Amino acid sequence: MSLSLRYGIKNLFLVVTKRLKLQGFIMSDYNEEQRVAATKELIRLICGGKLKTTETIMNGFEKVPEAFCGLFTGKNLGKMLVKI
């Protein structure tokens, strides 16, 4: 998806009025057994093509500052990587 097509949450007011809950997840919130099981399942889904990953890749060590700043300005889609 191009940056011009990205947008924030629309109708955020409805989250409040309908008492909706928005929640993400962080792997470190879970114990070791849960993390191992989740990692295996995620690998299976990615390898099977059922879960797609997105990465922004920049080439060259000289791109490190640009990549770092891009993390805070929305220049990346998914993981930001710099190939050196």
PDB file of N, CA and C in Angstrom:
ATOM      1  N   MET A   1       0.860  -1.174   0.000  1.00  0.00           N
ATOM      2  CA  MET A   1       0.000   0.000   0.000  1.00  0.00           C
ATOM      3  C   MET A   1       0.902   1.231   0.000  1.00  0.00           C
ATOM      4  N   SER A   2       0.623   2.159  -0.886  1.00  0.00           N
ATOM      5  CA  SER A   2       1.456   3.359  -0.934  1.00  0.00           C
ATOM      6  C   SER A   2       1.124   4.274   0.239  1.00  0.00           C
ATOM      7  N   LEU A   3       2.076   5.136   0.561  1.00  0.00           N
ATOM      8  CA  LEU A   3       1.883   6.057   1.684  1.00  0.00           C
ATOM      9  C   LEU A   3       0.697   6.987   1.436  1.00  0.00           C
ATOM     10  N   SER A   4       0.418   7.298   0.186  1.00  0.00           N
ATOM     11  CA  SER A   4      -0.693   8.210  -0.111  1.00  0.00           C
ATOM     12  C   SER A   4      -2.049   7.555   0.159  1.00  0.00           C
ATOM     13  N   LEU A   5      -2.109   6.220   0.200  1.00  0.00           N
ATOM     14  CA  LEU A   5      -3.366   5.521   0.448  1.00  0.00           C
ATOM     15  C   LEU A   5      -3.577   5.195   1.924  1.00  0.00           C
ATOM     16  N   ARG A   6      -2.563   5.410   2.756  1.00  0.00           N
ATOM     17  CA  ARG A   6      -2.687   5.104   4.182  1.00  0.00           C
ATOM     18  C   ARG A   6      -3.470   6.197   4.886  1.00  0.00           C
ATOM     19  N   TYR A   7      -4.201   5.814   5.902  1.00  0.00           N
ATOM     20  CA  TYR A   7      -4.955   6.782   6.683  1.00  0.00           C
ATOM     21  C   TYR A   7      -5.089   6.279   8.108  1.00  0.00           C
ATOM     22  N   GLY A   8      -5.394   7.174   9.008  1.00  0.00           N
ATOM     23  CA  GLY A   8      -5.581   6.805  10.406  1.00  0.00           C
ATOM     24  C   GLY A   8      -6.952   6.201  10.626  1.00  0.00           C
ATOM     25  N   ILE A   9      -7.279   5.979  11.868  1.00  0.00           N
ATOM     26  CA  ILE A   9      -8.578   5.412  12.218  1.00  0.00           C
ATOM     27  C   ILE A   9      -9.666   6.415  11.860  1.00  0.00           C
ATOM     28  N   LYS A  10     -10.648   5.954  11.103  1.00  0.00           N
ATOM     29  CA  LYS A  10     -11.775   6.809  10.757  1.00  0.00           C
ATOM     30  C   LYS A  10     -12.883   6.585  11.790  1.00  0.00           C
ATOM     31  N   ASN A  11     -13.654   7.602  12.053  1.00  0.00           N
ATOM     32  CA  ASN A  11     -14.776   7.511  12.990  1.00  0.00           C
ATOM     33  C   ASN A  11     -14.346   7.051  14.384  1.00  0.00           C
ATOM     34  N   LEU A  12     -13.247   7.594  14.849  1.00  0.00           N
ATOM     35  CA  LEU A  12     -12.752   7.240  16.178  1.00  0.00           C
ATOM     36  C   LEU A  12     -13.793   7.536  17.253  1.00  0.00           C
ATOM     37  N   PHE A  13     -14.652   8.497  17.000  1.00  0.00           N
ATOM     38  CA  PHE A  13     -15.723   8.820  17.946  1.00  0.00           C
ATOM     39  C   PHE A  13     -16.584   7.596  18.234  1.00  0.00           C
ATOM     40  N   LEU A  14     -16.785   6.730  17.229  1.00  0.00           N
ATOM     41  CA  LEU A  14     -17.598   5.525  17.422  1.00  0.00           C
ATOM     42  C   LEU A  14     -16.964   4.559  18.410  1.00  0.00           C
ATOM     43  N   VAL A  15     -15.658   4.582  18.543  1.00  0.00           N
ATOM     44  CA  VAL A  15     -14.981   3.721  19.513  1.00  0.00           C
ATOM     45  C   VAL A  15     -15.479   4.064  20.910  1.00  0.00           C
ATOM     46  N   VAL A  16     -15.630   5.349  21.168  1.00  0.00           N
ATOM     47  CA  VAL A  16     -16.098   5.790  22.482  1.00  0.00           C
ATOM     48  C   VAL A  16     -17.589   5.520  22.637  1.00  0.00           C
ATOM     49  N   THR A  17     -18.386   5.954  21.669  1.00  0.00           N
ATOM     50  CA  THR A  17     -19.839   5.841  21.810  1.00  0.00           C
ATOM     51  C   THR A  17     -20.328   4.400  21.814  1.00  0.00           C
ATOM     52  N   LYS A  18     -19.615   3.516  21.124  1.00  0.00           N
ATOM     53  CA  LYS A  18     -20.021   2.104  21.099  1.00  0.00           C
ATOM     54  C   LYS A  18     -19.241   1.264  22.102  1.00  0.00           C
ATOM     55  N   ARG A  19     -18.389   1.966  22.892  1.00  0.00           N
ATOM     56  CA  ARG A  19     -17.588   1.315  23.928  1.00  0.00           C
ATOM     57  C   ARG A  19     -16.760   0.156  23.381  1.00  0.00           C
ATOM     58  N   LEU A  20     -16.125   0.412  22.235  1.00  0.00           N
ATOM     59  CA  LEU A  20     -15.280  -0.598  21.613  1.00  0.00           C
ATOM     60  C   LEU A  20     -13.927  -0.646  22.297  1.00  0.00           C
ATOM     61  N   LYS A  21     -13.249  -1.760  22.161  1.00  0.00           N
ATOM     62  CA  LYS A  21     -11.918  -1.911  22.744  1.00  0.00           C
ATOM     63  C   LYS A  21     -10.930  -2.167  21.614  1.00  0.00           C
ATOM     64  N   LEU A  22      -9.888  -1.348  21.552  1.00  0.00           N
ATOM     65  CA  LEU A  22      -8.795  -1.544  20.600  1.00  0.00           C
ATOM     66  C   LEU A  22      -7.606  -2.064  21.380  1.00  0.00           C
ATOM     67  N   GLN A  23      -7.045  -3.178  20.932  1.00  0.00           N
ATOM     68  CA  GLN A  23      -5.922  -3.739  21.671  1.00  0.00           C
ATOM     69  C   GLN A  23      -4.973  -4.434  20.718  1.00  0.00           C
ATOM     70  N   GLY A  24      -3.709  -4.118  20.841  1.00  0.00           N
ATOM     71  CA  GLY A  24      -2.681  -4.810  20.082  1.00  0.00           C
ATOM     72  C   GLY A  24      -2.038  -5.863  20.966  1.00  0.00           C
ATOM     73  N   PHE A  25      -0.911  -6.383  20.528  1.00  0.00           N
ATOM     74  CA  PHE A  25      -0.209  -7.338  21.378  1.00  0.00           C
ATOM     75  C   PHE A  25       1.286  -7.146  21.220  1.00  0.00           C
ATOM     76  N   ILE A  26       1.985  -7.477  22.263  1.00  0.00           N
ATOM     77  CA  ILE A  26       3.437  -7.457  22.283  1.00  0.00           C
ATOM     78  C   ILE A  26       3.868  -8.821  22.805  1.00  0.00           C
ATOM     79  N   MET A  27       4.759  -9.464  22.083  1.00  0.00           N
ATOM     80  CA  MET A  27       5.151 -10.829  22.440  1.00  0.00           C
ATOM     81  C   MET A  27       5.654 -10.939  23.875  1.00  0.00           C
ATOM     82  N   SER A  28       6.314  -9.908  24.380  1.00  0.00           N
ATOM     83  CA  SER A  28       6.866  -9.989  25.733  1.00  0.00           C
ATOM     84  C   SER A  28       5.792  -9.972  26.817  1.00  0.00           C
ATOM     85  N   ASP A  29       4.535  -9.740  26.433  1.00  0.00           N
ATOM     86  CA  ASP A  29       3.434  -9.792  27.403  1.00  0.00           C
ATOM     87  C   ASP A  29       3.096 -11.235  27.796  1.00  0.00           C
ATOM     88  N   TYR A  30       3.634 -12.196  27.074  1.00  0.00           N
ATOM     89  CA  TYR A  30       3.258 -13.591  27.271  1.00  0.00           C
ATOM     90  C   TYR A  30       4.435 -14.408  27.799  1.00  0.00           C
ATOM     91  N   ASN A  31       4.121 -15.550  28.432  1.00  0.00           N
ATOM     92  CA  ASN A  31       5.180 -16.383  29.001  1.00  0.00           C
ATOM     93  C   ASN A  31       5.915 -17.151  27.898  1.00  0.00           C
ATOM     94  N   GLU A  32       7.000 -17.795  28.261  1.00  0.00           N
ATOM     95  CA  GLU A  32       7.867 -18.471  27.302  1.00  0.00           C
ATOM     96  C   GLU A  32       7.118 -19.529  26.486  1.00  0.00           C
ATOM     97  N   GLU A  33       6.300 -20.315  27.142  1.00  0.00           N
ATOM     98  CA  GLU A  33       5.560 -21.378  26.449  1.00  0.00           C
ATOM     99  C   GLU A  33       4.612 -20.783  25.403  1.00  0.00           C
ATOM    100  N   GLN A  34       3.930 -19.711  25.767  1.00  0.00           N
ATOM    101  CA  GLN A  34       3.021 -19.052  24.828  1.00  0.00           C
ATOM    102  C   GLN A  34       3.779 -18.429  23.661  1.00  0.00           C
ATOM    103  N   ARG A  35       4.937 -17.831  23.937  1.00  0.00           N
ATOM    104  CA  ARG A  35       5.740 -17.209  22.877  1.00  0.00           C
ATOM    105  C   ARG A  35       6.245 -18.256  21.888  1.00  0.00           C
ATOM    106  N   VAL A  36       6.702 -19.398  22.410  1.00  0.00           N
ATOM    107  CA  VAL A  36       7.199 -20.472  21.542  1.00  0.00           C
ATOM    108  C   VAL A  36       6.071 -20.980  20.645  1.00  0.00           C
ATOM    109  N   ALA A  37       4.904 -21.216  21.225  1.00  0.00           N
ATOM    110  CA  ALA A  37       3.758 -21.700  20.446  1.00  0.00           C
ATOM    111  C   ALA A  37       3.338 -20.677  19.395  1.00  0.00           C
ATOM    112  N   ALA A  38       3.294 -19.402  19.780  1.00  0.00           N
ATOM    113  CA  ALA A  38       2.900 -18.350  18.843  1.00  0.00           C
ATOM    114  C   ALA A  38       3.913 -18.210  17.717  1.00  0.00           C
ATOM    115  N   THR A  39       5.200 -18.285  18.041  1.00  0.00           N
ATOM    116  CA  THR A  39       6.243 -18.171  17.029  1.00  0.00           C
ATOM    117  C   THR A  39       6.134 -19.300  16.011  1.00  0.00           C
ATOM    118  N   LYS A  40       5.921 -20.527  16.483  1.00  0.00           N
ATOM    119  CA  LYS A  40       5.759 -21.667  15.573  1.00  0.00           C
ATOM    120  C   LYS A  40       4.552 -21.472  14.663  1.00  0.00           C
ATOM    121  N   GLU A  41       3.453 -21.011  15.227  1.00  0.00           N
ATOM    122  CA  GLU A  41       2.235 -20.800  14.437  1.00  0.00           C
ATOM    123  C   GLU A  41       2.425 -19.678  13.419  1.00  0.00           C
ATOM    124  N   LEU A  42       3.079 -18.591  13.819  1.00  0.00           N
ATOM    125  CA  LEU A  42       3.316 -17.482  12.896  1.00  0.00           C
ATOM    126  C   LEU A  42       4.232 -17.920  11.749  1.00  0.00           C
ATOM    127  N   ILE A  43       5.270 -18.697  12.057  1.00  0.00           N
ATOM    128  CA  ILE A  43       6.159 -19.204  11.015  1.00  0.00           C
ATOM    129  C   ILE A  43       5.378 -20.081  10.043  1.00  0.00           C
ATOM    130  N   ARG A  44       4.518 -20.939  10.568  1.00  0.00           N
ATOM    131  CA  ARG A  44       3.705 -21.821   9.720  1.00  0.00           C
ATOM    132  C   ARG A  44       2.806 -20.997   8.797  1.00  0.00           C
ATOM    133  N   LEU A  45       2.174 -19.957   9.340  1.00  0.00           N
ATOM    134  CA  LEU A  45       1.280 -19.126   8.538  1.00  0.00           C
ATOM    135  C   LEU A  45       2.035 -18.341   7.470  1.00  0.00           C
ATOM    136  N   ILE A  46       3.204 -17.823   7.825  1.00  0.00           N
ATOM    137  CA  ILE A  46       4.008 -17.066   6.855  1.00  0.00           C
ATOM    138  C   ILE A  46       4.504 -17.991   5.751  1.00  0.00           C
ATOM    139  N   CYS A  47       5.044 -19.157   6.127  1.00  0.00           N
ATOM    140  CA  CYS A  47       5.556 -20.103   5.124  1.00  0.00           C
ATOM    141  C   CYS A  47       4.442 -20.643   4.235  1.00  0.00           C
ATOM    142  N   GLY A  48       3.247 -20.758   4.778  1.00  0.00           N
ATOM    143  CA  GLY A  48       2.103 -21.246   4.011  1.00  0.00           C
ATOM    144  C   GLY A  48       1.438 -20.169   3.174  1.00  0.00           C
ATOM    145  N   GLY A  49       1.918 -18.942   3.271  1.00  0.00           N
ATOM    146  CA  GLY A  49       1.357 -17.852   2.475  1.00  0.00           C
ATOM    147  C   GLY A  49       0.048 -17.299   2.994  1.00  0.00           C
ATOM    148  N   LYS A  50      -0.355 -17.706   4.183  1.00  0.00           N
ATOM    149  CA  LYS A  50      -1.615 -17.220   4.747  1.00  0.00           C
ATOM    150  C   LYS A  50      -1.443 -15.921   5.523  1.00  0.00           C
ATOM    151  N   LEU A  51      -0.205 -15.585   5.860  1.00  0.00           N
ATOM    152  CA  LEU A  51       0.095 -14.344   6.565  1.00  0.00           C
ATOM    153  C   LEU A  51       1.224 -13.664   5.801  1.00  0.00           C
ATOM    154  N   LYS A  52       0.967 -12.441   5.380  1.00  0.00           N
ATOM    155  CA  LYS A  52       1.954 -11.696   4.600  1.00  0.00           C
ATOM    156  C   LYS A  52       2.675 -10.716   5.512  1.00  0.00           C
ATOM    157  N   THR A  53       3.982 -10.594   5.316  1.00  0.00           N
ATOM    158  CA  THR A  53       4.763  -9.623   6.072  1.00  0.00           C
ATOM    159  C   THR A  53       5.121  -8.461   5.150  1.00  0.00           C
ATOM    160  N   THR A  54       5.343  -7.314   5.726  1.00  0.00           N
ATOM    161  CA  THR A  54       5.698  -6.128   4.956  1.00  0.00           C
ATOM    162  C   THR A  54       6.961  -5.526   5.552  1.00  0.00           C
ATOM    163  N   GLU A  55       7.873  -5.174   4.679  1.00  0.00           N
ATOM    164  CA  GLU A  55       9.134  -4.586   5.120  1.00  0.00           C
ATOM    165  C   GLU A  55       9.492  -3.417   4.226  1.00  0.00           C
ATOM    166  N   THR A  56      10.132  -2.427   4.804  1.00  0.00           N
ATOM    167  CA  THR A  56      10.734  -1.342   4.036  1.00  0.00           C
ATOM    168  C   THR A  56      12.232  -1.566   4.108  1.00  0.00           C
ATOM    169  N   ILE A  57      12.867  -1.739   2.958  1.00  0.00           N
ATOM    170  CA  ILE A  57      14.295  -2.044   2.922  1.00  0.00           C
ATOM    171  C   ILE A  57      15.040  -0.892   2.250  1.00  0.00           C
ATOM    172  N   MET A  58      16.046  -0.381   2.938  1.00  0.00           N
ATOM    173  CA  MET A  58      16.919   0.649   2.380  1.00  0.00           C
ATOM    174  C   MET A  58      18.307   0.033   2.242  1.00  0.00           C
ATOM    175  N   ASN A  59      19.002   0.399   1.187  1.00  0.00           N
ATOM    176  CA  ASN A  59      20.315  -0.187   0.902  1.00  0.00           C
ATOM    177  C   ASN A  59      21.440   0.788   1.201  1.00  0.00           C
ATOM    178  N   GLY A  60      22.443   0.307   1.962  1.00  0.00           N
ATOM    179  CA  GLY A  60      23.645   1.082   2.220  1.00  0.00           C
ATOM    180  C   GLY A  60      23.692   1.689   3.604  1.00  0.00           C
ATOM    181  N   PHE A  61      24.882   1.643   4.197  1.00  0.00           N
ATOM    182  CA  PHE A  61      25.091   2.174   5.541  1.00  0.00           C
ATOM    183  C   PHE A  61      24.754   3.662   5.624  1.00  0.00           C
ATOM    184  N   GLU A  62      24.964   4.380   4.532  1.00  0.00           N
ATOM    185  CA  GLU A  62      24.674   5.823   4.525  1.00  0.00           C
ATOM    186  C   GLU A  62      23.181   6.120   4.679  1.00  0.00           C
ATOM    187  N   LYS A  63      22.337   5.111   4.505  1.00  0.00           N
ATOM    188  CA  LYS A  63      20.881   5.282   4.643  1.00  0.00           C
ATOM    189  C   LYS A  63      20.386   5.114   6.082  1.00  0.00           C
ATOM    190  N   VAL A  64      21.284   4.737   7.003  1.00  0.00           N
ATOM    191  CA  VAL A  64      20.877   4.509   8.397  1.00  0.00           C
ATOM    192  C   VAL A  64      20.184   5.728   9.004  1.00  0.00           C
ATOM    193  N   PRO A  65      20.753   6.945   8.898  1.00  0.00           N
ATOM    194  CA  PRO A  65      20.047   8.099   9.488  1.00  0.00           C
ATOM    195  C   PRO A  65      18.666   8.326   8.871  1.00  0.00           C
ATOM    196  N   GLU A  66      18.562   8.194   7.555  1.00  0.00           N
ATOM    197  CA  GLU A  66      17.276   8.379   6.882  1.00  0.00           C
ATOM    198  C   GLU A  66      16.269   7.324   7.331  1.00  0.00           C
ATOM    199  N   ALA A  67      16.727   6.082   7.453  1.00  0.00           N
ATOM    200  CA  ALA A  67      15.850   5.001   7.902  1.00  0.00           C
ATOM    201  C   ALA A  67      15.383   5.242   9.330  1.00  0.00           C
ATOM    202  N   PHE A  68      16.306   5.659  10.193  1.00  0.00           N
ATOM    203  CA  PHE A  68      15.954   5.914  11.592  1.00  0.00           C
ATOM    204  C   PHE A  68      14.911   7.026  11.695  1.00  0.00           C
ATOM    205  N   CYS A  69      15.138   8.124  10.998  1.00  0.00           N
ATOM    206  CA  CYS A  69      14.174   9.237  11.018  1.00  0.00           C
ATOM    207  C   CYS A  69      12.843   8.805  10.417  1.00  0.00           C
ATOM    208  N   GLY A  70      12.908   7.937   9.413  1.00  0.00           N
ATOM    209  CA  GLY A  70      11.691   7.453   8.774  1.00  0.00           C
ATOM    210  C   GLY A  70      10.783   6.679   9.712  1.00  0.00           C
ATOM    211  N   LEU A  71      11.366   6.073  10.740  1.00  0.00           N
ATOM    212  CA  LEU A  71      10.558   5.348  11.727  1.00  0.00           C
ATOM    213  C   LEU A  71       9.573   6.271  12.442  1.00  0.00           C
ATOM    214  N   PHE A  72       9.954   7.540  12.578  1.00  0.00           N
ATOM    215  CA  PHE A  72       9.142   8.488  13.347  1.00  0.00           C
ATOM    216  C   PHE A  72       8.284   9.385  12.472  1.00  0.00           C
ATOM    217  N   THR A  73       8.436   9.240  11.161  1.00  0.00           N
ATOM    218  CA  THR A  73       7.665  10.095  10.261  1.00  0.00           C
ATOM    219  C   THR A  73       6.760   9.291   9.335  1.00  0.00           C
ATOM    220  N   GLY A  74       6.657   7.997   9.572  1.00  0.00           N
ATOM    221  CA  GLY A  74       5.754   7.171   8.778  1.00  0.00           C
ATOM    222  C   GLY A  74       6.284   6.790   7.413  1.00  0.00           C
ATOM    223  N   LYS A  75       7.591   6.846   7.217  1.00  0.00           N
ATOM    224  CA  LYS A  75       8.172   6.505   5.916  1.00  0.00           C
ATOM    225  C   LYS A  75       8.256   4.992   5.713  1.00  0.00           C
ATOM    226  N   ASN A  76       8.113   4.228   6.772  1.00  0.00           N
ATOM    227  CA  ASN A  76       8.224   2.781   6.632  1.00  0.00           C
ATOM    228  C   ASN A  76       6.846   2.127   6.624  1.00  0.00           C
ATOM    229  N   LEU A  77       6.803   0.988   5.971  1.00  0.00           N
ATOM    230  CA  LEU A  77       5.615   0.149   5.977  1.00  0.00           C
ATOM    231  C   LEU A  77       6.080  -1.191   6.527  1.00  0.00           C
ATOM    232  N   GLY A  78       5.628  -1.565   7.688  1.00  0.00           N
ATOM    233  CA  GLY A  78       6.121  -2.772   8.334  1.00  0.00           C
ATOM    234  C   GLY A  78       7.472  -2.516   8.978  1.00  0.00           C
ATOM    235  N   LYS A  79       8.308  -3.532   8.951  1.00  0.00           N
ATOM    236  CA  LYS A  79       9.639  -3.433   9.552  1.00  0.00           C
ATOM    237  C   LYS A  79      10.545  -2.558   8.687  1.00  0.00           C
ATOM    238  N   MET A  80      11.374  -1.743   9.329  1.00  0.00           N
ATOM    239  CA  MET A  80      12.371  -0.943   8.605  1.00  0.00           C
ATOM    240  C   MET A  80      13.698  -1.662   8.683  1.00  0.00           C
ATOM    241  N   LEU A  81      14.278  -1.989   7.527  1.00  0.00           N
ATOM    242  CA  LEU A  81      15.554  -2.698   7.475  1.00  0.00           C
ATOM    243  C   LEU A  81      16.538  -1.891   6.649  1.00  0.00           C
ATOM    244  N   VAL A  82      17.816  -1.968   7.019  1.00  0.00           N
ATOM    245  CA  VAL A  82      18.876  -1.359   6.236  1.00  0.00           C
ATOM    246  C   VAL A  82      19.873  -2.467   5.895  1.00  0.00           C
ATOM    247  N   LYS A  83      20.040  -2.716   4.602  1.00  0.00           N
ATOM    248  CA  LYS A  83      21.035  -3.693   4.158  1.00  0.00           C
ATOM    249  C   LYS A  83      22.364  -2.996   4.036  1.00  0.00           C
ATOM    250  N   ILE A  84      23.363  -3.579   4.666  1.00  0.00           N
ATOM    251  CA  ILE A  84      24.703  -2.981   4.659  1.00  0.00           C
ATOM    252  C   ILE A  84      25.632  -3.850   3.829  1.00  0.00           C
TER     253      ILE A  84
END
